């Protein structure tokens, strides 16, 4: 479970879902199902990054209706790829990343929002690769 592998227990504990182990992108693509879920990316081996408040190894939090296809997009990007996809692709070319995912029964965006709100509460900002438009959405809920 994710919470046993990082010092970020509050992120997972408050979500109430079970995550996979940390995986490389290739492993995550292979193991992820074609179902609804959320995923968290971190610096490989828990590499920490300084935040406004404290430090964290989490660099991106996302959700998808099809986990396998979404994770595949990070490996095989094209010119039409979204900005978050391009940011993750660029970042992973500099710093190796690991991914953990969880299958959700209800809309994954609810869990993504909960995880992002927890992260913001702990660090006073979004994970480095999440877009500031996400923050605007969270503040209007």
N, C-alpha and C. Protein backbone atom coordinates (compact mmCIF):
# COMPACT_ATOMS: atom_id res chain seq x y z
N UNK A 1 0.84 -1.18 0.00
CA UNK A 1 0.00 0.00 0.00
C UNK A 1 0.88 1.24 0.00
N UNK A 2 0.46 2.27 -0.68
CA UNK A 2 1.21 3.49 -0.85
C UNK A 2 1.70 4.08 0.46
N UNK A 3 0.85 4.13 1.47
CA UNK A 3 1.20 4.80 2.72
C UNK A 3 2.36 4.11 3.44
N UNK A 4 2.63 2.85 3.16
CA UNK A 4 3.76 2.17 3.79
C UNK A 4 5.07 2.52 3.11
N UNK A 5 5.03 3.15 1.97
CA UNK A 5 6.22 3.38 1.19
C UNK A 5 6.71 4.83 1.21
N UNK A 6 5.90 5.77 1.69
CA UNK A 6 6.30 7.17 1.71
C UNK A 6 5.92 7.80 3.04
N UNK A 7 6.43 8.99 3.31
CA UNK A 7 6.09 9.72 4.53
C UNK A 7 4.87 10.59 4.32
N UNK A 8 4.03 10.25 3.43
CA UNK A 8 2.90 11.10 3.09
C UNK A 8 1.60 10.41 3.47
N UNK A 9 1.52 9.92 4.68
CA UNK A 9 0.38 9.13 5.14
C UNK A 9 -0.94 9.90 5.05
N UNK A 10 -0.92 11.16 5.33
CA UNK A 10 -2.17 11.92 5.34
C UNK A 10 -2.82 11.96 3.96
N UNK A 11 -2.01 12.00 2.92
CA UNK A 11 -2.54 12.03 1.56
C UNK A 11 -3.38 10.80 1.28
N UNK A 12 -2.88 9.66 1.64
CA UNK A 12 -3.57 8.41 1.35
C UNK A 12 -4.61 8.09 2.40
N UNK A 13 -4.30 8.30 3.66
CA UNK A 13 -5.22 7.97 4.74
C UNK A 13 -6.55 8.68 4.61
N UNK A 14 -6.52 9.91 4.18
CA UNK A 14 -7.76 10.69 4.04
C UNK A 14 -8.56 10.28 2.81
N UNK A 15 -7.91 9.65 1.85
CA UNK A 15 -8.61 9.27 0.62
C UNK A 15 -9.43 8.00 0.82
N UNK A 16 -8.99 7.11 1.70
CA UNK A 16 -9.74 5.89 1.96
C UNK A 16 -9.70 4.90 0.82
N UNK A 17 -8.66 4.93 0.00
CA UNK A 17 -8.52 3.98 -1.11
C UNK A 17 -7.16 3.31 -1.01
N UNK A 18 -7.01 2.18 -1.66
CA UNK A 18 -5.77 1.44 -1.62
C UNK A 18 -5.01 1.61 -2.93
N UNK A 19 -3.76 2.02 -2.82
CA UNK A 19 -2.92 2.23 -3.98
C UNK A 19 -2.03 1.03 -4.26
N UNK A 20 -1.59 0.93 -5.50
CA UNK A 20 -0.61 -0.08 -5.89
C UNK A 20 0.72 0.28 -5.24
N UNK A 21 1.70 -0.60 -5.40
CA UNK A 21 3.07 -0.26 -5.02
C UNK A 21 3.57 0.80 -5.99
N UNK A 22 4.70 1.42 -5.65
CA UNK A 22 5.33 2.37 -6.57
C UNK A 22 5.91 1.58 -7.74
N UNK A 23 5.64 2.05 -8.94
CA UNK A 23 6.05 1.36 -10.16
C UNK A 23 6.73 2.33 -11.12
N UNK A 24 7.58 1.80 -11.98
CA UNK A 24 8.10 2.63 -13.07
C UNK A 24 6.94 2.89 -14.03
N UNK A 25 7.11 3.82 -14.94
CA UNK A 25 6.05 4.11 -15.90
C UNK A 25 5.73 2.87 -16.73
N UNK A 26 6.74 2.16 -17.19
CA UNK A 26 6.50 0.95 -17.99
C UNK A 26 5.73 -0.10 -17.19
N UNK A 27 6.10 -0.30 -15.93
CA UNK A 27 5.39 -1.27 -15.09
C UNK A 27 3.94 -0.83 -14.86
N UNK A 28 3.75 0.47 -14.62
CA UNK A 28 2.39 0.98 -14.39
C UNK A 28 1.52 0.79 -15.62
N UNK A 29 2.06 1.04 -16.79
CA UNK A 29 1.30 0.85 -18.03
C UNK A 29 0.89 -0.61 -18.16
N UNK A 30 1.80 -1.51 -17.85
CA UNK A 30 1.52 -2.95 -17.95
C UNK A 30 0.47 -3.40 -16.94
N UNK A 31 0.56 -2.90 -15.71
CA UNK A 31 -0.30 -3.39 -14.63
C UNK A 31 -1.62 -2.64 -14.47
N UNK A 32 -1.69 -1.41 -14.95
CA UNK A 32 -2.92 -0.64 -14.75
C UNK A 32 -4.07 -1.21 -15.58
N UNK A 33 -5.25 -1.26 -15.00
CA UNK A 33 -6.43 -1.74 -15.74
C UNK A 33 -7.02 -0.62 -16.59
N UNK A 34 -7.90 -1.01 -17.48
CA UNK A 34 -8.62 -0.02 -18.29
C UNK A 34 -9.89 0.38 -17.55
N UNK A 35 -9.71 0.93 -16.35
CA UNK A 35 -10.87 1.33 -15.55
C UNK A 35 -10.61 2.69 -14.90
N UNK A 36 -11.64 3.20 -14.24
CA UNK A 36 -11.58 4.50 -13.59
C UNK A 36 -10.64 4.44 -12.40
N UNK A 37 -9.86 5.51 -12.22
CA UNK A 37 -8.98 5.55 -11.08
C UNK A 37 -8.21 6.84 -10.94
N UNK A 38 -7.42 6.90 -9.88
CA UNK A 38 -6.54 8.04 -9.62
C UNK A 38 -5.11 7.53 -9.60
N UNK A 39 -4.18 8.44 -9.83
CA UNK A 39 -2.78 8.06 -9.79
C UNK A 39 -1.96 9.19 -9.21
N UNK A 40 -0.84 8.82 -8.62
CA UNK A 40 0.06 9.77 -7.99
C UNK A 40 1.45 9.48 -8.54
N UNK A 41 2.16 10.55 -8.90
CA UNK A 41 3.54 10.41 -9.38
C UNK A 41 4.47 11.02 -8.34
N UNK A 42 5.62 10.41 -8.17
CA UNK A 42 6.61 10.94 -7.24
C UNK A 42 7.99 10.80 -7.85
N UNK A 43 8.95 11.51 -7.25
CA UNK A 43 10.34 11.34 -7.64
C UNK A 43 10.78 9.93 -7.28
N UNK A 44 11.55 9.30 -8.15
CA UNK A 44 11.98 7.91 -7.94
C UNK A 44 12.66 7.76 -6.58
N UNK A 45 12.36 6.66 -5.93
CA UNK A 45 12.90 6.33 -4.61
C UNK A 45 12.58 7.40 -3.56
N UNK A 46 11.48 8.11 -3.75
CA UNK A 46 11.05 9.08 -2.76
C UNK A 46 11.85 10.37 -2.75
N UNK A 47 12.49 10.71 -3.88
CA UNK A 47 13.26 11.96 -3.95
C UNK A 47 12.34 13.12 -3.57
N UNK A 48 12.78 13.94 -2.64
CA UNK A 48 11.98 15.05 -2.12
C UNK A 48 12.27 16.34 -2.89
N UNK A 49 11.22 17.17 -2.97
CA UNK A 49 11.33 18.49 -3.56
C UNK A 49 10.80 19.49 -2.54
N UNK A 50 11.49 20.62 -2.42
CA UNK A 50 11.03 21.64 -1.46
C UNK A 50 9.75 22.28 -1.96
N UNK A 51 8.85 22.52 -1.04
CA UNK A 51 7.57 23.15 -1.33
C UNK A 51 7.47 24.44 -0.51
N UNK A 52 6.41 25.21 -0.69
CA UNK A 52 6.24 26.43 0.10
C UNK A 52 6.29 26.09 1.59
N UNK A 53 5.64 24.99 1.96
CA UNK A 53 5.67 24.52 3.34
C UNK A 53 6.19 23.09 3.32
N UNK A 54 7.39 22.90 3.81
CA UNK A 54 7.96 21.56 3.91
C UNK A 54 8.52 21.04 2.59
N UNK A 55 8.51 19.73 2.47
CA UNK A 55 8.99 19.08 1.25
C UNK A 55 8.10 17.88 0.97
N UNK A 56 8.13 17.42 -0.28
CA UNK A 56 7.30 16.29 -0.67
C UNK A 56 7.94 15.57 -1.84
N UNK A 57 7.67 14.28 -1.93
CA UNK A 57 8.13 13.52 -3.10
C UNK A 57 7.04 13.46 -4.17
N UNK A 58 5.83 13.90 -3.88
CA UNK A 58 4.72 13.88 -4.83
C UNK A 58 4.90 15.02 -5.83
N UNK A 59 4.86 14.69 -7.14
CA UNK A 59 5.02 15.72 -8.17
C UNK A 59 3.77 15.92 -9.02
N UNK A 60 2.83 14.95 -8.99
CA UNK A 60 1.62 15.09 -9.79
C UNK A 60 0.53 14.18 -9.23
N UNK A 61 -0.70 14.67 -9.25
CA UNK A 61 -1.87 13.88 -8.87
C UNK A 61 -2.87 14.00 -10.00
N UNK A 62 -3.37 12.87 -10.48
CA UNK A 62 -4.31 12.90 -11.59
C UNK A 62 -5.37 11.82 -11.48
N UNK A 63 -6.34 11.88 -12.40
CA UNK A 63 -7.40 10.87 -12.45
C UNK A 63 -7.71 10.58 -13.91
N UNK A 64 -8.37 9.45 -14.13
CA UNK A 64 -8.69 9.07 -15.50
C UNK A 64 -9.85 8.10 -15.53
N UNK A 65 -10.58 8.11 -16.65
CA UNK A 65 -11.63 7.11 -16.87
C UNK A 65 -11.02 5.80 -17.33
N UNK A 66 -9.79 5.85 -17.85
CA UNK A 66 -9.09 4.66 -18.33
C UNK A 66 -7.62 4.80 -17.92
N UNK A 67 -7.25 4.22 -16.78
CA UNK A 67 -5.90 4.37 -16.24
C UNK A 67 -4.82 3.94 -17.22
N UNK A 68 -4.98 2.77 -17.81
CA UNK A 68 -3.96 2.24 -18.72
C UNK A 68 -3.68 3.21 -19.87
N UNK A 69 -4.73 3.68 -20.52
CA UNK A 69 -4.54 4.60 -21.64
C UNK A 69 -3.94 5.92 -21.20
N UNK A 70 -4.38 6.42 -20.04
CA UNK A 70 -3.85 7.70 -19.56
C UNK A 70 -2.36 7.59 -19.26
N UNK A 71 -1.94 6.53 -18.60
CA UNK A 71 -0.53 6.38 -18.28
C UNK A 71 0.30 6.18 -19.55
N UNK A 72 -0.27 5.51 -20.51
CA UNK A 72 0.41 5.30 -21.80
C UNK A 72 0.69 6.64 -22.49
N UNK A 73 -0.21 7.61 -22.31
CA UNK A 73 -0.02 8.92 -22.93
C UNK A 73 1.24 9.63 -22.42
N UNK A 74 1.64 9.35 -21.18
CA UNK A 74 2.85 9.98 -20.66
C UNK A 74 4.10 9.44 -21.34
N UNK A 75 4.05 8.24 -21.82
CA UNK A 75 5.21 7.65 -22.50
C UNK A 75 5.23 8.03 -23.97
N UNK A 76 4.07 8.03 -24.59
CA UNK A 76 3.97 8.27 -26.03
C UNK A 76 3.21 9.56 -26.30
N UNK A 77 3.84 10.70 -26.05
CA UNK A 77 3.19 11.99 -26.28
C UNK A 77 3.33 12.41 -27.73
N UNK A 78 2.46 13.31 -28.16
CA UNK A 78 2.56 13.87 -29.50
C UNK A 78 2.30 15.37 -29.43
N UNK A 79 2.30 16.02 -30.57
CA UNK A 79 2.12 17.47 -30.62
C UNK A 79 0.78 17.91 -30.03
N UNK A 80 -0.24 17.06 -30.12
CA UNK A 80 -1.58 17.42 -29.65
C UNK A 80 -1.79 17.11 -28.17
N UNK A 81 -0.78 16.63 -27.50
CA UNK A 81 -0.91 16.26 -26.09
C UNK A 81 -1.24 17.47 -25.24
N UNK A 82 -1.96 17.23 -24.14
CA UNK A 82 -2.33 18.31 -23.22
C UNK A 82 -1.10 18.85 -22.50
N UNK A 83 -1.24 20.03 -21.93
CA UNK A 83 -0.13 20.65 -21.20
C UNK A 83 0.35 19.79 -20.03
N UNK A 84 -0.56 19.21 -19.20
CA UNK A 84 -0.06 18.36 -18.11
C UNK A 84 0.75 17.18 -18.62
N UNK A 85 0.32 16.58 -19.71
CA UNK A 85 1.04 15.44 -20.28
C UNK A 85 2.43 15.87 -20.72
N UNK A 86 2.53 17.01 -21.36
CA UNK A 86 3.84 17.51 -21.80
C UNK A 86 4.74 17.84 -20.62
N UNK A 87 4.16 18.43 -19.55
CA UNK A 87 4.95 18.75 -18.36
C UNK A 87 5.51 17.49 -17.71
N UNK A 88 4.68 16.47 -17.59
CA UNK A 88 5.14 15.21 -16.98
C UNK A 88 6.21 14.57 -17.85
N UNK A 89 6.02 14.55 -19.15
CA UNK A 89 7.01 13.97 -20.07
C UNK A 89 8.34 14.70 -19.94
N UNK A 90 8.30 16.03 -19.91
CA UNK A 90 9.52 16.83 -19.76
C UNK A 90 10.20 16.52 -18.42
N UNK A 91 9.43 16.54 -17.34
CA UNK A 91 9.97 16.32 -16.00
C UNK A 91 10.61 14.94 -15.88
N UNK A 92 9.92 13.92 -16.41
CA UNK A 92 10.43 12.55 -16.28
C UNK A 92 11.68 12.34 -17.12
N UNK A 93 11.95 13.22 -18.07
CA UNK A 93 13.20 13.16 -18.81
C UNK A 93 14.38 13.67 -17.99
N UNK A 94 14.10 14.46 -16.95
CA UNK A 94 15.14 15.01 -16.09
C UNK A 94 15.27 14.20 -14.80
N UNK A 95 14.13 13.93 -14.17
CA UNK A 95 14.09 13.18 -12.92
C UNK A 95 13.28 11.92 -13.13
N UNK A 96 13.83 10.76 -12.81
CA UNK A 96 13.02 9.53 -12.92
C UNK A 96 11.81 9.62 -11.99
N UNK A 97 10.68 9.11 -12.44
CA UNK A 97 9.47 9.13 -11.62
C UNK A 97 8.95 7.72 -11.37
N UNK A 98 8.13 7.61 -10.35
CA UNK A 98 7.42 6.38 -10.03
C UNK A 98 5.95 6.72 -9.93
N UNK A 99 5.10 5.74 -10.18
CA UNK A 99 3.66 5.95 -10.20
C UNK A 99 2.98 4.91 -9.33
N UNK A 100 1.99 5.35 -8.58
CA UNK A 100 1.09 4.44 -7.85
C UNK A 100 -0.31 4.80 -8.30
N UNK A 101 -1.16 3.79 -8.46
CA UNK A 101 -2.53 4.06 -8.90
C UNK A 101 -3.52 3.31 -8.04
N UNK A 102 -4.75 3.77 -8.08
CA UNK A 102 -5.84 3.12 -7.33
C UNK A 102 -7.08 3.12 -8.20
N UNK A 103 -7.79 2.02 -8.18
CA UNK A 103 -9.06 1.91 -8.89
C UNK A 103 -10.14 2.48 -7.97
N UNK A 104 -11.03 3.27 -8.53
CA UNK A 104 -12.10 3.86 -7.72
C UNK A 104 -13.46 3.45 -8.27
N UNK A 105 -14.42 3.32 -7.38
CA UNK A 105 -15.76 2.91 -7.81
C UNK A 105 -16.61 4.11 -8.21
N UNK A 106 -16.37 5.24 -7.60
CA UNK A 106 -17.11 6.45 -7.95
C UNK A 106 -16.22 7.33 -8.82
N UNK A 107 -16.73 8.45 -9.30
CA UNK A 107 -15.93 9.29 -10.19
C UNK A 107 -14.55 9.59 -9.61
N UNK A 108 -13.53 9.31 -10.39
CA UNK A 108 -12.15 9.49 -9.94
C UNK A 108 -11.84 10.94 -9.61
N UNK A 109 -12.55 11.87 -10.25
CA UNK A 109 -12.28 13.28 -9.98
C UNK A 109 -12.58 13.65 -8.53
N UNK A 110 -13.50 12.94 -7.89
CA UNK A 110 -13.78 13.20 -6.47
C UNK A 110 -12.56 12.86 -5.62
N UNK A 111 -11.95 11.71 -5.90
CA UNK A 111 -10.76 11.30 -5.15
C UNK A 111 -9.57 12.19 -5.50
N UNK A 112 -9.46 12.56 -6.77
CA UNK A 112 -8.38 13.46 -7.18
C UNK A 112 -8.50 14.79 -6.43
N UNK A 113 -9.71 15.33 -6.37
CA UNK A 113 -9.94 16.59 -5.66
C UNK A 113 -9.57 16.46 -4.19
N UNK A 114 -9.97 15.35 -3.56
CA UNK A 114 -9.65 15.12 -2.16
C UNK A 114 -8.13 15.06 -1.95
N UNK A 115 -7.44 14.35 -2.83
CA UNK A 115 -5.98 14.24 -2.71
C UNK A 115 -5.31 15.60 -2.91
N UNK A 116 -5.78 16.36 -3.89
CA UNK A 116 -5.21 17.68 -4.15
C UNK A 116 -5.47 18.64 -2.99
N UNK A 117 -6.68 18.60 -2.43
CA UNK A 117 -6.99 19.46 -1.29
C UNK A 117 -6.13 19.11 -0.08
N UNK A 118 -5.87 17.83 0.11
CA UNK A 118 -5.00 17.39 1.20
C UNK A 118 -3.59 17.91 0.98
N UNK A 119 -3.11 17.78 -0.25
CA UNK A 119 -1.76 18.24 -0.59
C UNK A 119 -1.65 19.75 -0.36
N UNK A 120 -2.64 20.51 -0.83
CA UNK A 120 -2.62 21.96 -0.66
C UNK A 120 -2.65 22.32 0.83
N UNK A 121 -3.45 21.61 1.60
CA UNK A 121 -3.50 21.85 3.04
C UNK A 121 -2.16 21.60 3.72
N UNK A 122 -1.43 20.60 3.24
CA UNK A 122 -0.14 20.25 3.83
C UNK A 122 1.00 21.15 3.35
N UNK A 123 0.93 21.62 2.10
CA UNK A 123 2.08 22.33 1.50
C UNK A 123 1.77 23.75 1.03
N UNK A 124 0.51 24.17 1.09
CA UNK A 124 0.09 25.51 0.69
C UNK A 124 0.29 25.77 -0.80
N UNK A 125 0.32 24.74 -1.59
CA UNK A 125 0.43 24.85 -3.04
C UNK A 125 0.13 23.50 -3.67
N UNK A 126 -0.04 23.49 -4.99
CA UNK A 126 -0.27 22.25 -5.73
C UNK A 126 1.03 21.48 -5.93
N UNK A 127 0.94 20.19 -6.25
CA UNK A 127 2.16 19.47 -6.65
C UNK A 127 2.79 20.19 -7.85
N UNK A 128 4.09 20.11 -8.02
CA UNK A 128 4.78 20.90 -9.04
C UNK A 128 4.25 20.77 -10.47
N UNK A 129 3.76 19.61 -10.85
CA UNK A 129 3.34 19.42 -12.24
C UNK A 129 1.84 19.61 -12.46
N UNK A 130 1.08 19.83 -11.41
CA UNK A 130 -0.35 20.11 -11.58
C UNK A 130 -0.51 21.56 -12.02
N UNK A 131 -1.52 21.80 -12.82
CA UNK A 131 -1.77 23.11 -13.41
C UNK A 131 -2.47 24.03 -12.43
N UNK A 132 -2.18 25.32 -12.52
CA UNK A 132 -2.83 26.27 -11.64
C UNK A 132 -4.33 26.37 -11.89
N UNK A 133 -4.81 25.95 -13.07
CA UNK A 133 -6.25 25.94 -13.35
C UNK A 133 -6.96 24.97 -12.40
N UNK A 134 -6.27 23.92 -11.98
CA UNK A 134 -6.84 22.97 -11.03
C UNK A 134 -7.14 23.68 -9.71
N UNK A 135 -6.22 24.55 -9.30
CA UNK A 135 -6.42 25.28 -8.05
C UNK A 135 -7.67 26.16 -8.13
N UNK A 136 -7.87 26.84 -9.24
CA UNK A 136 -9.07 27.68 -9.42
C UNK A 136 -10.33 26.83 -9.28
N UNK A 137 -10.32 25.63 -9.86
CA UNK A 137 -11.46 24.73 -9.78
C UNK A 137 -11.72 24.30 -8.33
N UNK A 138 -10.66 23.98 -7.61
CA UNK A 138 -10.79 23.54 -6.22
C UNK A 138 -11.33 24.66 -5.33
N UNK A 139 -10.92 25.87 -5.58
CA UNK A 139 -11.33 27.00 -4.75
C UNK A 139 -12.78 27.38 -4.97
N UNK A 140 -13.36 27.01 -6.11
CA UNK A 140 -14.75 27.36 -6.40
C UNK A 140 -15.72 26.27 -5.96
N UNK A 141 -15.23 25.19 -5.39
CA UNK A 141 -16.13 24.10 -4.97
C UNK A 141 -16.65 24.35 -3.58
